[in-house]
Amino acid sequence: MDIAQQIREHNRQFRQTNNTDLVTKIARMQEDVFPFYRATAHLFYRDMAALPSSPFTNAQTARCWLSGDAHLANFGAMRDASGVEVFAVSDIDEAWIGHYLWDLRRLAASLLLASYASDIAAAERRAAIAAMATAYLASMADFKDSGGELTFRLTADNTSGVVQKAIKKAAKADRKEFLAKFKGPDTRPVADAIRDAVAAAMPDYVSRIPLPARKPVAWYEVLGVRQRLGAGMGSLGKLRYYALLQGSGGEDGHVILELKQAIPSAVAPASPGALPSAFYGGHEGRRIARAQQAMQLDADVLTGYATIGGMPFHVHEKAPTDKDFKYEDITTESELNKAAATLGMALAAAHARADRDYDAQLAKVGIAQQITDAVTSRAGFIAELTGFADAYAAKVRQDWQAFKAALARGEPMY
């Protein structure tokens, strides 16, 4: 099956439900190689399944909770449940159990493929991969002895550059201004039947919020529902709804929930059976919610799942204090290296938190210890990771050209 056929096969599952986003998706994929990479995690994991194993992995390091799509655009600032503004992995729709190296590889390739505010040479991008990997391994070495991942936070106090800017900007976000976006140009009304289905799903969703964090029933009253369009890249095609809740009331007391259609993880074909369906009850939204709770310290108390129109959805708060990491603002090698090192730390913390400390039956090992033991040579590890990123970025560019050529021939992509 060629590249165009694989993309078409993946996108066709959304053709009947969200054709509008598919049009946007294909247009953006055509514009630049990095949006193409972001939209094709399913291609990445088909390739990972075909590669020989690395000398820096073993059976134990294959039992790691992955974010599944750890590229530059899937990190950001957010306010955790304890009220602290932090920087962390922000999108875990593809979360699954697999080789820790897959997350690092996807992130490393993105460092080479991304478009920054000014031109950064290939050699300087490779140096950023080394900075990211060094920080990741150093964090794992620290976590294996201290258990520090259970308290580790990246905040405005221990970050710098574009990451620190994202955290500070998020912390100052205006809630009233944010709530106005509920009816913004990137949303549209939904049919009454959809609004009713979202409202009908709320009691079941609310029943799973831990009692200490649960609000009175009226707090969760659905005041309105709109469809969000054009968000992300890998998610384009999935149904995404915003539900405006009563919250504490008043002009700035309402709350927006995001309900995003959940589909099977792109990682699953490369690591079949690694995550038993019993762990998430066969509900893909629950899989994502459990991964978020595992990988984020003091995760959003509103994270959960729902079934709407017979389809699984992941649910979480869409908050003004959520801000994307603006990798596009990076202008120098120094800024890129600092940011890459921070990404490495964020990913290490997510991996380390989600081991046996979270669920001893699912992940029976201390992943920080296992990874540290497996990486017998940091220099060798960095050389292998950089070599992979170079080769894979070249393959992505070839796939992108093949995709554009198929479009030019008039081949459908959904």
Foldseek 3Di string as FASTA:
>chain_A
DALLVVLQVVQVVLCVPAVPLVVVQLVVLLPFLLLVLQQPLLVLQVVVLPDDDDLLDDPQQQFWWALSQQAQFQWAWDQFQVGAIFIFRHHSLQIDRGHLVSNLLNHLLNLQRDAAQADDDNVLSLVLSLLLLVLLLVLLVVCVPPVCLLPDTHALVNADFLRNVRSVQLVPFDQLVVVVCLPPPQKAADDPLQVVLVQVFPVVLLVPQDPVPRDPPQQAHFPGKIWGHDPTRNQRSWTKMWTWGCAPHDSRRIWIKIKTFHDHRSNCVSPPPLDDCVVQVVASLSVSLLLQVQQDHNHASSWGWTAGPNTIITMGTDGSSIGTRPSRHDDDSVSSNSVSSVSSNSRSSRRQSNAVVSPCVSHVDRSSVSSNVSCPDSVVVSVVSSVSSVVVSVVSVVSSVVNVVCVVVVHDSD
